Amino acid sequence: MARGTVRWSDHNGHVSPYLREAIVATEDKRFYRHFGVSPRGIASAIRINLSEGRGPLSGHGGSTLTQQTAKLLCLGVPFD
């Protein structure tokens, strides 16, 4: 492996369960407790956007990992 590179998967293409859990822990703390959409996260993002003088759907997002994946796969839009 080249110096300074990071390996995300083993030789069979499997991602380490430790890496998977680290990503879930940092990106979507309630991943195992919601149904793919976080009403709490969306409401919080709308509140922050409005308090910053933006439109309710611009700026901060309330995206869960599931929402980010769906957006990337369906719309081809880079995730937040």
Protein backbone atom coordinates (compact mmCIF):
# COMPACT_ATOMS: atom_id res chain seq x y z
CA MET A 1 0.00 0.00 0.00
CA ALA A 2 1.31 3.44 -0.90
CA ARG A 3 2.42 5.74 1.87
CA GLY A 4 -0.36 8.04 3.07
CA THR A 5 -3.22 5.94 1.68
CA VAL A 6 -6.13 4.58 3.65
CA ARG A 7 -7.63 1.15 3.04
CA TRP A 8 -11.43 1.17 3.25
CA SER A 9 -11.99 -2.50 2.46
CA ASP A 10 -10.18 -5.81 2.49
CA HIS A 11 -9.15 -7.73 -0.63
CA ASN A 12 -12.68 -9.08 -1.07
CA GLY A 13 -14.27 -5.63 -1.04
CA HIS A 14 -15.74 -5.99 2.45
CA VAL A 15 -15.75 -2.88 4.62
CA SER A 16 -14.47 -3.30 8.15
CA PRO A 17 -17.32 -3.41 10.69
CA TYR A 18 -15.28 -0.99 12.83
CA LEU A 19 -15.18 1.56 10.01
CA ARG A 20 -18.89 1.10 9.33
CA GLU A 21 -19.76 1.70 13.00
CA ALA A 22 -17.42 4.71 13.19
CA ILE A 23 -19.16 6.32 10.21
CA VAL A 24 -22.61 5.65 11.65
CA ALA A 25 -21.53 7.02 15.05
CA THR A 26 -20.26 10.29 13.58
CA GLU A 27 -22.75 10.88 10.75
CA ASP A 28 -26.09 9.66 12.12
CA LYS A 29 -26.13 9.03 15.87
CA ARG A 30 -29.77 7.88 15.79
CA PHE A 31 -29.31 5.58 12.76
CA TYR A 32 -30.64 2.50 14.54
CA ARG A 33 -33.56 4.37 16.15
CA HIS A 34 -35.32 6.01 13.18
CA PHE A 35 -36.98 4.76 10.01
CA GLY A 36 -34.63 6.48 7.55
CA VAL A 37 -36.03 9.98 7.95
CA SER A 38 -35.37 12.04 11.06
CA PRO A 39 -38.24 14.46 11.72
CA ARG A 40 -36.21 15.87 14.63
CA GLY A 41 -33.23 16.53 12.35
CA ILE A 42 -35.38 18.13 9.66
CA ALA A 43 -37.16 20.37 12.19
CA SER A 44 -33.83 21.41 13.70
CA ALA A 45 -32.38 22.22 10.26
CA ILE A 46 -35.45 24.32 9.34
CA ARG A 47 -35.22 26.20 12.65
CA ILE A 48 -31.50 26.94 12.12
CA ASN A 49 -32.05 28.02 8.49
CA LEU A 50 -34.85 30.40 9.46
CA SER A 51 -32.88 31.85 12.39
CA GLU A 52 -30.00 32.56 9.97
CA GLY A 53 -32.35 34.38 7.59
CA ARG A 54 -32.37 31.66 4.94
CA GLY A 55 -35.26 29.81 3.40
CA PRO A 56 -36.43 26.77 5.37
CA LEU A 57 -35.01 24.30 2.82
CA SER A 58 -31.62 25.92 2.17
CA GLY A 59 -28.40 25.79 4.13
CA HIS A 60 -28.39 23.19 6.90
CA GLY A 61 -29.86 19.81 6.09
CA GLY A 62 -31.56 17.28 8.31
CA SER A 63 -30.21 14.37 6.32
CA THR A 64 -29.80 10.92 7.76
CA LEU A 65 -27.36 8.47 6.19
CA THR A 66 -30.35 6.87 4.46
CA GLN A 67 -31.47 10.23 3.01
CA GLN A 68 -27.93 11.06 1.88
CA THR A 69 -27.58 7.68 0.14
CA ALA A 70 -30.97 7.99 -1.57
CA LYS A 71 -30.15 11.52 -2.75
CA LEU A 72 -26.81 10.40 -4.18
CA LEU A 73 -28.19 7.27 -5.88
CA CYS A 74 -31.44 8.75 -7.22
CA LEU A 75 -30.45 12.31 -8.03
CA GLY A 76 -26.72 12.05 -8.49
CA VAL A 77 -26.37 14.94 -6.06
CA PRO A 78 -23.28 14.87 -3.83
CA PHE A 79 -24.23 14.27 -0.20
CA ASP A 80 -23.77 16.84 2.56
